[in-house]
mmCIF file of all heavy atoms, coordinates in Angstrom:
data_MODEL
# 
_entry.id   MODEL 
# 
loop_
_atom_site.group_PDB 
_atom_site.id 
_atom_site.type_symbol 
_atom_site.label_atom_id 
_atom_site.label_alt_id 
_atom_site.label_comp_id 
_atom_site.label_asym_id 
_atom_site.label_entity_id 
_atom_site.label_seq_id 
_atom_site.pdbx_PDB_ins_code 
_atom_site.Cartn_x 
_atom_site.Cartn_y 
_atom_site.Cartn_z 
_atom_site.occupancy 
_atom_site.B_iso_or_equiv 
_atom_site.pdbx_formal_charge 
_atom_site.auth_seq_id 
_atom_site.auth_comp_id 
_atom_site.auth_asym_id 
_atom_site.auth_atom_id 
_atom_site.pdbx_PDB_model_num 
ATOM 1   N N   . VAL A 1 1  ? -2.805 4.397   -17.186 1.00 0.00 ? 1  VAL A N   1 
ATOM 2   C CA  . VAL A 1 1  ? -3.349 3.316   -18.017 1.00 0.00 ? 1  VAL A CA  1 
ATOM 3   C C   . VAL A 1 1  ? -2.344 2.170   -18.109 1.00 0.00 ? 1  VAL A C   1 
ATOM 4   O O   . VAL A 1 1  ? -2.705 0.985   -17.983 1.00 0.00 ? 1  VAL A O   1 
ATOM 5   C CB  . VAL A 1 1  ? -3.706 3.839   -19.425 1.00 0.00 ? 1  VAL A CB  1 
ATOM 6   C CG1 . VAL A 1 1  ? -4.089 2.685   -20.344 1.00 0.00 ? 1  VAL A CG1 1 
ATOM 7   C CG2 . VAL A 1 1  ? -4.832 4.855   -19.342 1.00 0.00 ? 1  VAL A CG2 1 
ATOM 8   N N   . TRP A 1 2  ? -1.078 2.491   -18.329 1.00 0.00 ? 2  TRP A N   1 
ATOM 9   C CA  . TRP A 1 2  ? -0.039 1.460   -18.400 1.00 0.00 ? 2  TRP A CA  1 
ATOM 10  C C   . TRP A 1 2  ? 0.059  0.682   -17.094 1.00 0.00 ? 2  TRP A C   1 
ATOM 11  O O   . TRP A 1 2  ? 0.152  -0.551  -17.094 1.00 0.00 ? 2  TRP A O   1 
ATOM 12  C CB  . TRP A 1 2  ? 1.306  2.107   -18.721 1.00 0.00 ? 2  TRP A CB  1 
ATOM 13  C CG  . TRP A 1 2  ? 2.445  1.141   -18.655 1.00 0.00 ? 2  TRP A CG  1 
ATOM 14  C CD1 . TRP A 1 2  ? 2.885  0.297   -19.635 1.00 0.00 ? 2  TRP A CD1 1 
ATOM 15  C CD2 . TRP A 1 2  ? 3.282  0.901   -17.510 1.00 0.00 ? 2  TRP A CD2 1 
ATOM 16  N NE1 . TRP A 1 2  ? 3.947  -0.445  -19.184 1.00 0.00 ? 2  TRP A NE1 1 
ATOM 17  C CE2 . TRP A 1 2  ? 4.208  -0.103  -17.888 1.00 0.00 ? 2  TRP A CE2 1 
ATOM 18  C CE3 . TRP A 1 2  ? 3.327  1.432   -16.221 1.00 0.00 ? 2  TRP A CE3 1 
ATOM 19  C CZ2 . TRP A 1 2  ? 5.167  -0.573  -17.005 1.00 0.00 ? 2  TRP A CZ2 1 
ATOM 20  C CZ3 . TRP A 1 2  ? 4.290  0.953   -15.341 1.00 0.00 ? 2  TRP A CZ3 1 
ATOM 21  C CH2 . TRP A 1 2  ? 5.196  -0.022  -15.729 1.00 0.00 ? 2  TRP A CH2 1 
ATOM 22  N N   . ARG A 1 3  ? 0.046  1.409   -15.969 1.00 0.00 ? 3  ARG A N   1 
ATOM 23  C CA  . ARG A 1 3  ? 0.157  0.759   -14.661 1.00 0.00 ? 3  ARG A CA  1 
ATOM 24  C C   . ARG A 1 3  ? -1.033 -0.170  -14.410 1.00 0.00 ? 3  ARG A C   1 
ATOM 25  O O   . ARG A 1 3  ? -0.867 -1.279  -13.882 1.00 0.00 ? 3  ARG A O   1 
ATOM 26  C CB  . ARG A 1 3  ? 0.235  1.844   -13.577 1.00 0.00 ? 3  ARG A CB  1 
ATOM 27  C CG  . ARG A 1 3  ? 0.363  1.316   -12.138 1.00 0.00 ? 3  ARG A CG  1 
ATOM 28  C CD  . ARG A 1 3  ? 1.782  0.972   -11.820 1.00 0.00 ? 3  ARG A CD  1 
ATOM 29  N NE  . ARG A 1 3  ? 1.911  0.491   -10.463 1.00 0.00 ? 3  ARG A NE  1 
ATOM 30  C CZ  . ARG A 1 3  ? 2.166  1.275   -9.399  1.00 0.00 ? 3  ARG A CZ  1 
ATOM 31  N NH1 . ARG A 1 3  ? 2.335  2.578   -9.583  1.00 0.00 ? 3  ARG A NH1 1 
ATOM 32  N NH2 . ARG A 1 3  ? 2.273  0.768   -8.194  1.00 0.00 ? 3  ARG A NH2 1 
ATOM 33  N N   . TYR A 1 4  ? -2.212 0.267   -14.813 1.00 0.00 ? 4  TYR A N   1 
ATOM 34  C CA  . TYR A 1 4  ? -3.410 -0.539  -14.584 1.00 0.00 ? 4  TYR A CA  1 
ATOM 35  C C   . TYR A 1 4  ? -3.398 -1.804  -15.441 1.00 0.00 ? 4  TYR A C   1 
ATOM 36  O O   . TYR A 1 4  ? -3.841 -2.866  -15.007 1.00 0.00 ? 4  TYR A O   1 
ATOM 37  C CB  . TYR A 1 4  ? -4.658 0.280   -14.899 1.00 0.00 ? 4  TYR A CB  1 
ATOM 38  C CG  . TYR A 1 4  ? -5.951 -0.458  -14.618 1.00 0.00 ? 4  TYR A CG  1 
ATOM 39  C CD1 . TYR A 1 4  ? -6.411 -0.614  -13.311 1.00 0.00 ? 4  TYR A CD1 1 
ATOM 40  C CD2 . TYR A 1 4  ? -6.689 -1.008  -15.655 1.00 0.00 ? 4  TYR A CD2 1 
ATOM 41  C CE1 . TYR A 1 4  ? -7.592 -1.298  -13.049 1.00 0.00 ? 4  TYR A CE1 1 
ATOM 42  C CE2 . TYR A 1 4  ? -7.864 -1.692  -15.407 1.00 0.00 ? 4  TYR A CE2 1 
ATOM 43  C CZ  . TYR A 1 4  ? -8.311 -1.833  -14.101 1.00 0.00 ? 4  TYR A CZ  1 
ATOM 44  O OH  . TYR A 1 4  ? -9.477 -2.512  -13.847 1.00 0.00 ? 4  TYR A OH  1 
ATOM 45  N N   . ARG A 1 5  ? -2.866 -1.706  -16.642 1.00 0.00 ? 5  ARG A N   1 
ATOM 46  C CA  . ARG A 1 5  ? -2.867 -2.856  -17.552 1.00 0.00 ? 5  ARG A CA  1 
ATOM 47  C C   . ARG A 1 5  ? -1.767 -3.862  -17.233 1.00 0.00 ? 5  ARG A C   1 
ATOM 48  O O   . ARG A 1 5  ? -1.962 -5.066  -17.361 1.00 0.00 ? 5  ARG A O   1 
ATOM 49  C CB  . ARG A 1 5  ? -2.720 -2.372  -18.994 1.00 0.00 ? 5  ARG A CB  1 
ATOM 50  C CG  . ARG A 1 5  ? -3.914 -1.618  -19.532 1.00 0.00 ? 5  ARG A CG  1 
ATOM 51  C CD  . ARG A 1 5  ? -3.829 -1.441  -21.028 1.00 0.00 ? 5  ARG A CD  1 
ATOM 52  N NE  . ARG A 1 5  ? -3.778 -2.729  -21.722 1.00 0.00 ? 5  ARG A NE  1 
ATOM 53  C CZ  . ARG A 1 5  ? -3.661 -2.865  -23.044 1.00 0.00 ? 5  ARG A CZ  1 
ATOM 54  N NH1 . ARG A 1 5  ? -3.571 -1.775  -23.800 1.00 0.00 ? 5  ARG A NH1 1 
ATOM 55  N NH2 . ARG A 1 5  ? -3.626 -4.052  -23.598 1.00 0.00 ? 5  ARG A NH2 1 
ATOM 56  N N   . TYR A 1 6  ? -0.620 -3.368  -16.808 1.00 0.00 ? 6  TYR A N   1 
ATOM 57  C CA  . TYR A 1 6  ? 0.543  -4.256  -16.688 1.00 0.00 ? 6  TYR A CA  1 
ATOM 58  C C   . TYR A 1 6  ? 1.047  -4.432  -15.261 1.00 0.00 ? 6  TYR A C   1 
ATOM 59  O O   . TYR A 1 6  ? 1.997  -5.194  -15.046 1.00 0.00 ? 6  TYR A O   1 
ATOM 60  C CB  . TYR A 1 6  ? 1.687  -3.727  -17.563 1.00 0.00 ? 6  TYR A CB  1 
ATOM 61  C CG  . TYR A 1 6  ? 1.343  -3.698  -19.021 1.00 0.00 ? 6  TYR A CG  1 
ATOM 62  C CD1 . TYR A 1 6  ? 1.043  -2.500  -19.660 1.00 0.00 ? 6  TYR A CD1 1 
ATOM 63  C CD2 . TYR A 1 6  ? 1.313  -4.870  -19.775 1.00 0.00 ? 6  TYR A CD2 1 
ATOM 64  C CE1 . TYR A 1 6  ? 0.715  -2.454  -21.013 1.00 0.00 ? 6  TYR A CE1 1 
ATOM 65  C CE2 . TYR A 1 6  ? 0.991  -4.848  -21.123 1.00 0.00 ? 6  TYR A CE2 1 
ATOM 66  C CZ  . TYR A 1 6  ? 0.693  -3.640  -21.739 1.00 0.00 ? 6  TYR A CZ  1 
ATOM 67  O OH  . TYR A 1 6  ? 0.369  -3.611  -23.064 1.00 0.00 ? 6  TYR A OH  1 
ATOM 68  N N   . ASP A 1 7  ? 0.455  -3.731  -14.291 1.00 0.00 ? 7  ASP A N   1 
ATOM 69  C CA  . ASP A 1 7  ? 0.950  -3.859  -12.913 1.00 0.00 ? 7  ASP A CA  1 
ATOM 70  C C   . ASP A 1 7  ? -0.215 -3.795  -11.930 1.00 0.00 ? 7  ASP A C   1 
ATOM 71  O O   . ASP A 1 7  ? -0.179 -3.044  -10.960 1.00 0.00 ? 7  ASP A O   1 
ATOM 72  C CB  . ASP A 1 7  ? 1.975  -2.760  -12.618 1.00 0.00 ? 7  ASP A CB  1 
ATOM 73  C CG  . ASP A 1 7  ? 2.680  -2.982  -11.280 1.00 0.00 ? 7  ASP A CG  1 
ATOM 74  O OD1 . ASP A 1 7  ? 2.824  -4.136  -10.868 1.00 0.00 ? 7  ASP A OD1 1 
ATOM 75  O OD2 . ASP A 1 7  ? 3.048  -1.983  -10.644 1.00 0.00 ? 7  ASP A OD2 1 
ATOM 76  N N   . ARG A 1 8  ? -1.238 -4.589  -12.176 1.00 0.00 ? 8  ARG A N   1 
ATOM 77  C CA  . ARG A 1 8  ? -2.400 -4.549  -11.288 1.00 0.00 ? 8  ARG A CA  1 
ATOM 78  C C   . ARG A 1 8  ? -2.067 -5.049  -9.886  1.00 0.00 ? 8  ARG A C   1 
ATOM 79  O O   . ARG A 1 8  ? -2.623 -4.570  -8.900  1.00 0.00 ? 8  ARG A O   1 
ATOM 80  C CB  . ARG A 1 8  ? -3.537 -5.380  -11.880 1.00 0.00 ? 8  ARG A CB  1 
ATOM 81  C CG  . ARG A 1 8  ? -4.147 -4.787  -13.134 1.00 0.00 ? 8  ARG A CG  1 
ATOM 82  C CD  . ARG A 1 8  ? -5.415 -5.523  -13.532 1.00 0.00 ? 8  ARG A CD  1 
ATOM 83  N NE  . ARG A 1 8  ? -5.979 -4.987  -14.768 1.00 0.00 ? 8  ARG A NE  1 
ATOM 84  C CZ  . ARG A 1 8  ? -7.118 -5.398  -15.302 1.00 0.00 ? 8  ARG A CZ  1 
ATOM 85  N NH1 . ARG A 1 8  ? -7.802 -6.360  -14.695 1.00 0.00 ? 8  ARG A NH1 1 
ATOM 86  N NH2 . ARG A 1 8  ? -7.553 -4.870  -16.423 1.00 0.00 ? 8  ARG A NH2 1 
ATOM 87  N N   . PHE A 1 9  ? -1.180 -6.016  -9.801  1.00 0.00 ? 9  PHE A N   1 
ATOM 88  C CA  . PHE A 1 9  ? -0.809 -6.532  -8.479  1.00 0.00 ? 9  PHE A CA  1 
ATOM 89  C C   . PHE A 1 9  ? 0.029  -5.513  -7.698  1.00 0.00 ? 9  PHE A C   1 
ATOM 90  O O   . PHE A 1 9  ? 0.123  -5.587  -6.477  1.00 0.00 ? 9  PHE A O   1 
ATOM 91  C CB  . PHE A 1 9  ? -0.043 -7.847  -8.617  1.00 0.00 ? 9  PHE A CB  1 
ATOM 92  C CG  . PHE A 1 9  ? -0.901 -8.996  -9.055  1.00 0.00 ? 9  PHE A CG  1 
ATOM 93  C CD1 . PHE A 1 9  ? -0.823 -9.475  -10.348 1.00 0.00 ? 9  PHE A CD1 1 
ATOM 94  C CD2 . PHE A 1 9  ? -1.786 -9.600  -8.177  1.00 0.00 ? 9  PHE A CD2 1 
ATOM 95  C CE1 . PHE A 1 9  ? -1.608 -10.543 -10.765 1.00 0.00 ? 9  PHE A CE1 1 
ATOM 96  C CE2 . PHE A 1 9  ? -2.590 -10.652 -8.577  1.00 0.00 ? 9  PHE A CE2 1 
ATOM 97  C CZ  . PHE A 1 9  ? -2.499 -11.129 -9.880  1.00 0.00 ? 9  PHE A CZ  1 
ATOM 98  N N   . GLY A 1 10 ? 0.646  -4.574  -8.406  1.00 0.00 ? 10 GLY A N   1 
ATOM 99  C CA  . GLY A 1 10 ? 1.413  -3.535  -7.730  1.00 0.00 ? 10 GLY A CA  1 
ATOM 100 C C   . GLY A 1 10 ? 0.595  -2.302  -7.423  1.00 0.00 ? 10 GLY A C   1 
ATOM 101 O O   . GLY A 1 10 ? 1.114  -1.349  -6.838  1.00 0.00 ? 10 GLY A O   1 
ATOM 102 N N   . TRP A 1 11 ? -0.687 -2.320  -7.811  1.00 0.00 ? 11 TRP A N   1 
ATOM 103 C CA  . TRP A 1 11 ? -1.574 -1.176  -7.578  1.00 0.00 ? 11 TRP A CA  1 
ATOM 104 C C   . TRP A 1 11 ? -2.042 -1.226  -6.135  1.00 0.00 ? 11 TRP A C   1 
ATOM 105 O O   . TRP A 1 11 ? -3.154 -1.634  -5.816  1.00 0.00 ? 11 TRP A O   1 
ATOM 106 C CB  . TRP A 1 11 ? -2.761 -1.260  -8.548  1.00 0.00 ? 11 TRP A CB  1 
ATOM 107 C CG  . TRP A 1 11 ? -3.599 -0.029  -8.652  1.00 0.00 ? 11 TRP A CG  1 
ATOM 108 C CD1 . TRP A 1 11 ? -4.393 0.510   -7.687  1.00 0.00 ? 11 TRP A CD1 1 
ATOM 109 C CD2 . TRP A 1 11 ? -3.747 0.819   -9.797  1.00 0.00 ? 11 TRP A CD2 1 
ATOM 110 N NE1 . TRP A 1 11 ? -5.024 1.624   -8.156  1.00 0.00 ? 11 TRP A NE1 1 
ATOM 111 C CE2 . TRP A 1 11 ? -4.651 1.843   -9.446  1.00 0.00 ? 11 TRP A CE2 1 
ATOM 112 C CE3 . TRP A 1 11 ? -3.210 0.812   -11.077 1.00 0.00 ? 11 TRP A CE3 1 
ATOM 113 C CZ2 . TRP A 1 11 ? -5.022 2.850   -10.348 1.00 0.00 ? 11 TRP A CZ2 1 
ATOM 114 C CZ3 . TRP A 1 11 ? -3.579 1.801   -11.956 1.00 0.00 ? 11 TRP A CZ3 1 
ATOM 115 C CH2 . TRP A 1 11 ? -4.471 2.805   -11.599 1.00 0.00 ? 11 TRP A CH2 1 
ATOM 116 N N   . THR A 1 12 ? -1.211 -0.801  -5.239  1.00 0.00 ? 12 THR A N   1 
ATOM 117 C CA  . THR A 1 12 ? -1.491 -0.930  -3.821  1.00 0.00 ? 12 THR A CA  1 
ATOM 118 C C   . THR A 1 12 ? -0.681 0.083   -3.037  1.00 0.00 ? 12 THR A C   1 
ATOM 119 O O   . THR A 1 12 ? 0.299  0.645   -3.541  1.00 0.00 ? 12 THR A O   1 
ATOM 120 C CB  . THR A 1 12 ? -1.150 -2.350  -3.337  1.00 0.00 ? 12 THR A CB  1 
ATOM 121 O OG1 . THR A 1 12 ? -1.270 -2.425  -1.919  1.00 0.00 ? 12 THR A OG1 1 
ATOM 122 C CG2 . THR A 1 12 ? 0.295  -2.709  -3.699  1.00 0.00 ? 12 THR A CG2 1 
ATOM 123 N N   . THR A 1 13 ? -1.085 0.309   -1.805  1.00 0.00 ? 13 THR A N   1 
ATOM 124 C CA  . THR A 1 13 ? -0.340 1.209   -0.930  1.00 0.00 ? 13 THR A CA  1 
ATOM 125 C C   . THR A 1 13 ? 0.851  0.507   -0.274  1.00 0.00 ? 13 THR A C   1 
ATOM 126 O O   . THR A 1 13 ? 1.640  1.156   0.396   1.00 0.00 ? 13 THR A O   1 
ATOM 127 C CB  . THR A 1 13 ? -1.241 1.750   0.191   1.00 0.00 ? 13 THR A CB  1 
ATOM 128 O OG1 . THR A 1 13 ? -1.741 0.651   0.959   1.00 0.00 ? 13 THR A OG1 1 
ATOM 129 C CG2 . THR A 1 13 ? -2.403 2.535   -0.383  1.00 0.00 ? 13 THR A CG2 1 
ATOM 130 N N   . ARG A 1 14 ? 0.916  -0.817  -0.446  1.00 0.00 ? 14 ARG A N   1 
ATOM 131 C CA  . ARG A 1 14 ? 1.940  -1.615  0.241   1.00 0.00 ? 14 ARG A CA  1 
ATOM 132 C C   . ARG A 1 14 ? 1.923  -1.304  1.744   1.00 0.00 ? 14 ARG A C   1 
ATOM 133 O O   . ARG A 1 14 ? 2.900  -0.833  2.322   1.00 0.00 ? 14 ARG A O   1 
ATOM 134 C CB  . ARG A 1 14 ? 3.327  -1.376  -0.356  1.00 0.00 ? 14 ARG A CB  1 
ATOM 135 C CG  . ARG A 1 14 ? 3.459  -1.803  -1.781  1.00 0.00 ? 14 ARG A CG  1 
ATOM 136 C CD  . ARG A 1 14 ? 4.916  -1.976  -2.196  1.00 0.00 ? 14 ARG A CD  1 
ATOM 137 N NE  . ARG A 1 14 ? 5.644  -0.721  -2.109  1.00 0.00 ? 14 ARG A NE  1 
ATOM 138 C CZ  . ARG A 1 14 ? 5.708  0.156   -3.097  1.00 0.00 ? 14 ARG A CZ  1 
ATOM 139 N NH1 . ARG A 1 14 ? 5.062  -0.062  -4.222  1.00 0.00 ? 14 ARG A NH1 1 
ATOM 140 N NH2 . ARG A 1 14 ? 6.398  1.272   -2.975  1.00 0.00 ? 14 ARG A NH2 1 
ATOM 141 N N   . SER A 1 15 ? 0.776  -1.551  2.319   1.00 0.00 ? 15 SER A N   1 
ATOM 142 C CA  . SER A 1 15 ? 0.552  -1.208  3.728   1.00 0.00 ? 15 SER A CA  1 
ATOM 143 C C   . SER A 1 15 ? 1.600  -1.857  4.632   1.00 0.00 ? 15 SER A C   1 
ATOM 144 O O   . SER A 1 15 ? 1.970  -3.013  4.464   1.00 0.00 ? 15 SER A O   1 
ATOM 145 C CB  . SER A 1 15 ? -0.843 -1.652  4.158   1.00 0.00 ? 15 SER A CB  1 
ATOM 146 O OG  . SER A 1 15 ? -1.040 -1.433  5.540   1.00 0.00 ? 15 SER A OG  1 
ATOM 147 N N   . SER A 1 16 ? 2.050  -1.089  5.604   1.00 0.00 ? 16 SER A N   1 
ATOM 148 C CA  . SER A 1 16 ? 3.028  -1.578  6.585   1.00 0.00 ? 16 SER A CA  1 
ATOM 149 C C   . SER A 1 16 ? 2.428  -1.623  7.984   1.00 0.00 ? 16 SER A C   1 
ATOM 150 O O   . SER A 1 16 ? 3.154  -1.595  8.977   1.00 0.00 ? 16 SER A O   1 
ATOM 151 C CB  . SER A 1 16 ? 4.259  -0.665  6.580   1.00 0.00 ? 16 SER A CB  1 
ATOM 152 O OG  . SER A 1 16 ? 3.889  0.678   6.857   1.00 0.00 ? 16 SER A OG  1 
ATOM 153 N N   . GLN A 1 17 ? 1.112  -1.686  8.054   1.00 0.00 ? 17 GLN A N   1 
ATOM 154 C CA  . GLN A 1 17 ? 0.439  -1.696  9.355   1.00 0.00 ? 17 GLN A CA  1 
ATOM 155 C C   . GLN A 1 17 ? 0.813  -2.927  10.169  1.00 0.00 ? 17 GLN A C   1 
ATOM 156 O O   . GLN A 1 17 ? 0.824  -2.890  11.398  1.00 0.00 ? 17 GLN A O   1 
ATOM 157 C CB  . GLN A 1 17 ? -1.080 -1.650  9.151   1.00 0.00 ? 17 GLN A CB  1 
ATOM 158 C CG  . GLN A 1 17 ? -1.871 -1.558  10.453  1.00 0.00 ? 17 GLN A CG  1 
ATOM 159 C CD  . GLN A 1 17 ? -3.361 -1.445  10.220  1.00 0.00 ? 17 GLN A CD  1 
ATOM 160 O OE1 . GLN A 1 17 ? -3.822 -1.477  9.076   1.00 0.00 ? 17 GLN A OE1 1 
ATOM 161 N NE2 . GLN A 1 17 ? -4.117 -1.300  11.279  1.00 0.00 ? 17 GLN A NE2 1 
ATOM 162 N N   . LEU A 1 18 ? 1.131  -4.012  9.479   1.00 0.00 ? 18 LEU A N   1 
ATOM 163 C CA  . LEU A 1 18 ? 1.511  -5.236  10.182  1.00 0.00 ? 18 LEU A CA  1 
ATOM 164 C C   . LEU A 1 18 ? 2.779  -5.040  11.004  1.00 0.00 ? 18 LEU A C   1 
ATOM 165 O O   . LEU A 1 18 ? 2.954  -5.651  12.053  1.00 0.00 ? 18 LEU A O   1 
ATOM 166 C CB  . LEU A 1 18 ? 1.719  -6.368  9.162   1.00 0.00 ? 18 LEU A CB  1 
ATOM 167 C CG  . LEU A 1 18 ? 2.094  -7.741  9.714   1.00 0.00 ? 18 LEU A CG  1 
ATOM 168 C CD1 . LEU A 1 18 ? 0.938  -8.296  10.550  1.00 0.00 ? 18 LEU A CD1 1 
ATOM 169 C CD2 . LEU A 1 18 ? 2.435  -8.704  8.587   1.00 0.00 ? 18 LEU A CD2 1 
ATOM 170 N N   . TYR A 1 19 ? 3.670  -4.155  10.551  1.00 0.00 ? 19 TYR A N   1 
ATOM 171 C CA  . TYR A 1 19 ? 4.939  -3.935  11.237  1.00 0.00 ? 19 TYR A CA  1 
ATOM 172 C C   . TYR A 1 19 ? 4.813  -2.955  12.407  1.00 0.00 ? 19 TYR A C   1 
ATOM 173 O O   . TYR A 1 19 ? 5.502  -3.080  13.399  1.00 0.00 ? 19 TYR A O   1 
ATOM 174 C CB  . TYR A 1 19 ? 5.979  -3.398  10.256  1.00 0.00 ? 19 TYR A CB  1 
ATOM 175 C CG  . TYR A 1 19 ? 6.220  -4.283  9.066   1.00 0.00 ? 19 TYR A CG  1 
ATOM 176 C CD1 . TYR A 1 19 ? 6.199  -3.773  7.781   1.00 0.00 ? 19 TYR A CD1 1 
ATOM 177 C CD2 . TYR A 1 19 ? 6.466  -5.642  9.229   1.00 0.00 ? 19 TYR A CD2 1 
ATOM 178 C CE1 . TYR A 1 19 ? 6.418  -4.587  6.678   1.00 0.00 ? 19 TYR A CE1 1 
ATOM 179 C CE2 . TYR A 1 19 ? 6.683  -6.466  8.142   1.00 0.00 ? 19 TYR A CE2 1 
ATOM 180 C CZ  . TYR A 1 19 ? 6.663  -5.931  6.870   1.00 0.00 ? 19 TYR A CZ  1 
ATOM 181 O OH  . TYR A 1 19 ? 6.869  -6.742  5.783   1.00 0.00 ? 19 TYR A OH  1 
ATOM 182 N N   . GLU A 1 20 ? 3.948  -1.959  12.228  1.00 0.00 ? 20 GLU A N   1 
ATOM 183 C CA  . GLU A 1 20 ? 3.795  -0.936  13.270  1.00 0.00 ? 20 GLU A CA  1 
ATOM 184 C C   . GLU A 1 20 ? 2.446  -0.265  13.099  1.00 0.00 ? 20 GLU A C   1 
ATOM 185 O O   . GLU A 1 20 ? 2.081  0.126   11.986  1.00 0.00 ? 20 GLU A O   1 
ATOM 186 C CB  . GLU A 1 20 ? 4.910  0.108   13.163  1.00 0.00 ? 20 GLU A CB  1 
ATOM 187 C CG  . GLU A 1 20 ? 5.097  0.963   14.402  1.00 0.00 ? 20 GLU A CG  1 
ATOM 188 C CD  . GLU A 1 20 ? 4.061  2.088   14.524  1.00 0.00 ? 20 GLU A CD  1 
ATOM 189 O OE1 . GLU A 1 20 ? 3.521  2.507   13.485  1.00 0.00 ? 20 GLU A OE1 1 
ATOM 190 O OE2 . GLU A 1 20 ? 3.800  2.541   15.642  1.00 0.00 ? 20 GLU A OE2 1 
ATOM 191 N N   . SER A 1 21 ? 1.674  -0.143  14.163  1.00 0.00 ? 21 SER A N   1 
ATOM 192 C CA  . SER A 1 21 ? 0.328  0.422   14.054  1.00 0.00 ? 21 SER A CA  1 
ATOM 193 C C   . SER A 1 21 ? 0.063  1.581   15.014  1.00 0.00 ? 21 SER A C   1 
ATOM 194 O O   . SER A 1 21 ? -0.886 2.331   14.815  1.00 0.00 ? 21 SER A O   1 
ATOM 195 C CB  . SER A 1 21 ? -0.721 -0.671  14.277  1.00 0.00 ? 21 SER A CB  1 
ATOM 196 O OG  . SER A 1 21 ? -0.590 -1.226  15.583  1.00 0.00 ? 21 SER A OG  1 
ATOM 197 N N   . ARG A 1 22 ? 0.888  1.731   16.049  1.00 0.00 ? 22 ARG A N   1 
ATOM 198 C CA  . ARG A 1 22 ? 0.615  2.773   17.048  1.00 0.00 ? 22 ARG A CA  1 
ATOM 199 C C   . ARG A 1 22 ? 0.714  4.162   16.441  1.00 0.00 ? 22 ARG A C   1 
ATOM 200 O O   . ARG A 1 22 ? -0.214 4.967   16.538  1.00 0.00 ? 22 ARG A O   1 
ATOM 201 C CB  . ARG A 1 22 ? 1.593  2.631   18.223  1.00 0.00 ? 22 ARG A CB  1 
ATOM 202 C CG  . ARG A 1 22 ? 1.349  3.633   19.352  1.00 0.00 ? 22 ARG A CG  1 
ATOM 203 C CD  . ARG A 1 22 ? 2.304  3.359   20.505  1.00 0.00 ? 22 ARG A CD  1 
ATOM 204 N NE  . ARG A 1 22 ? 3.683  3.499   20.075  1.00 0.00 ? 22 ARG A NE  1 
ATOM 205 C CZ  . ARG A 1 22 ? 4.357  4.657   20.080  1.00 0.00 ? 22 ARG A CZ  1 
ATOM 206 N NH1 . ARG A 1 22 ? 3.751  5.772   20.477  1.00 0.00 ? 22 ARG A NH1 1 
ATOM 207 N NH2 . ARG A 1 22 ? 5.611  4.708   19.685  1.00 0.00 ? 22 ARG A NH2 1 
ATOM 208 N N   . LEU A 1 23 ? 1.842  4.475   15.798  1.00 0.00 ? 23 LEU A N   1 
ATOM 209 C CA  . LEU A 1 23 ? 1.997  5.777   15.151  1.00 0.00 ? 23 LEU A CA  1 
ATOM 210 C C   . LEU A 1 23 ? 1.101  5.910   13.920  1.00 0.00 ? 23 LEU A C   1 
ATOM 211 O O   . LEU A 1 23 ? 0.603  6.992   13.627  1.00 0.00 ? 23 LEU A O   1 
ATOM 212 C CB  . LEU A 1 23 ? 3.461  5.992   14.747  1.00 0.00 ? 23 LEU A CB  1 
ATOM 213 C CG  . LEU A 1 23 ? 4.413  6.526   15.806  1.00 0.00 ? 23 LEU A CG  1 
ATOM 214 C CD1 . LEU A 1 23 ? 5.824  6.598   15.255  1.00 0.00 ? 23 LEU A CD1 1 
ATOM 215 C CD2 . LEU A 1 23 ? 3.968  7.899   16.294  1.00 0.00 ? 23 LEU A CD2 1 
ATOM 216 N N   . LEU A 1 24 ? 0.898  4.793   13.231  1.00 0.00 ? 24 LEU A N   1 
ATOM 217 C CA  . LEU A 1 24 ? 0.086  4.835   12.016  1.00 0.00 ? 24 LEU A CA  1 
ATOM 218 C C   . LEU A 1 24 ? -1.346 5.245   12.314  1.00 0.00 ? 24 LEU A C   1 
ATOM 219 O O   . LEU A 1 24 ? -1.976 5.939   11.504  1.00 0.00 ? 24 LEU A O   1 
ATOM 220 C CB  . LEU A 1 24 ? 0.115  3.466   11.330  1.00 0.00 ? 24 LEU A CB  1 
ATOM 221 C CG  . LEU A 1 24 ? -0.520 3.392   9.940   1.00 0.00 ? 24 LEU A CG  1 
ATOM 222 C CD1 . LEU A 1 24 ? 0.258  4.260   8.959   1.00 0.00 ? 24 LEU A CD1 1 
ATOM 223 C CD2 . LEU A 1 24 ? -0.572 1.949   9.449   1.00 0.00 ? 24 LEU A CD2 1 
ATOM 224 N N   . ARG A 1 25 ? -1.870 4.841   13.456  1.00 0.00 ? 25 ARG A N   1 
ATOM 225 C CA  . ARG A 1 25 ? -3.245 5.195   13.824  1.00 0.00 ? 25 ARG A CA  1 
ATOM 226 C C   . ARG A 1 25 ? -3.408 6.693   14.018  1.00 0.00 ? 25 ARG A C   1 
ATOM 227 O O   . ARG A 1 25 ? -4.515 7.223   13.909  1.00 0.00 ? 25 ARG A O   1 
ATOM 228 C CB  . ARG A 1 25 ? -3.657 4.448   15.099  1.00 0.00 ? 25 ARG A CB  1 
ATOM 229 C CG  . ARG A 1 25 ? -3.985 2.992   14.885  1.00 0.00 ? 25 ARG A CG  1 
ATOM 230 C CD  . ARG A 1 25 ? -4.770 2.434   16.062  1.00 0.00 ? 25 ARG A CD  1 
ATOM 231 N NE  . ARG A 1 25 ? -3.992 2.507   17.289  1.00 0.00 ? 25 ARG A NE  1 
ATOM 232 C CZ  . ARG A 1 25 ? -3.269 1.502   17.765  1.00 0.00 ? 25 ARG A CZ  1 
ATOM 233 N NH1 . ARG A 1 25 ? -3.197 0.366   17.094  1.00 0.00 ? 25 ARG A NH1 1 
ATOM 234 N NH2 . ARG A 1 25 ? -2.614 1.629   18.897  1.00 0.00 ? 25 ARG A NH2 1 
ATOM 235 N N   . ILE A 1 26 ? -2.312 7.379   14.326  1.00 0.00 ? 26 ILE A N   1 
ATOM 236 C CA  . ILE A 1 26 ? -2.371 8.833   14.510  1.00 0.00 ? 26 ILE A CA  1 
ATOM 237 C C   . ILE A 1 26 ? -2.014 9.551   13.217  1.00 0.00 ? 26 ILE A C   1 
ATOM 238 O O   . ILE A 1 26 ? -2.721 10.468  12.780  1.00 0.00 ? 26 ILE A O   1 
ATOM 239 C CB  . ILE A 1 26 ? -1.406 9.269   15.635  1.00 0.00 ? 26 ILE A CB  1 
ATOM 240 C CG1 . ILE A 1 26 ? -1.770 8.578   16.949  1.00 0.00 ? 26 ILE A CG1 1 
ATOM 241 C CG2 . ILE A 1 26 ? -1.420 10.784  15.796  1.00 0.00 ? 26 ILE A CG2 1 
ATOM 242 C CD1 . ILE A 1 26 ? -0.771 8.825   18.055  1.00 0.00 ? 26 ILE A CD1 1 
ATOM 243 N N   . ALA A 1 27 ? -0.926 9.134   12.591  1.00 0.00 ? 27 ALA A N   1 
ATOM 244 C CA  . ALA A 1 27 ? -0.397 9.859   11.439  1.00 0.00 ? 27 ALA A CA  1 
ATOM 245 C C   . ALA A 1 27 ? -1.270 9.729   10.201  1.00 0.00 ? 27 ALA A C   1 
ATOM 246 O O   . ALA A 1 27 ? -1.496 10.713  9.492   1.00 0.00 ? 27 ALA A O   1 
ATOM 247 C CB  . ALA A 1 27 ? 1.018  9.353   11.128  1.00 0.00 ? 27 ALA A CB  1 
# 
């Protein structure tokens, strides 16, 4: 509840697909 109220912009996986996608597509 605290995270949702005060850190909505941080509610993310922080995707790193932009940096590397070959292994990510498998893993």
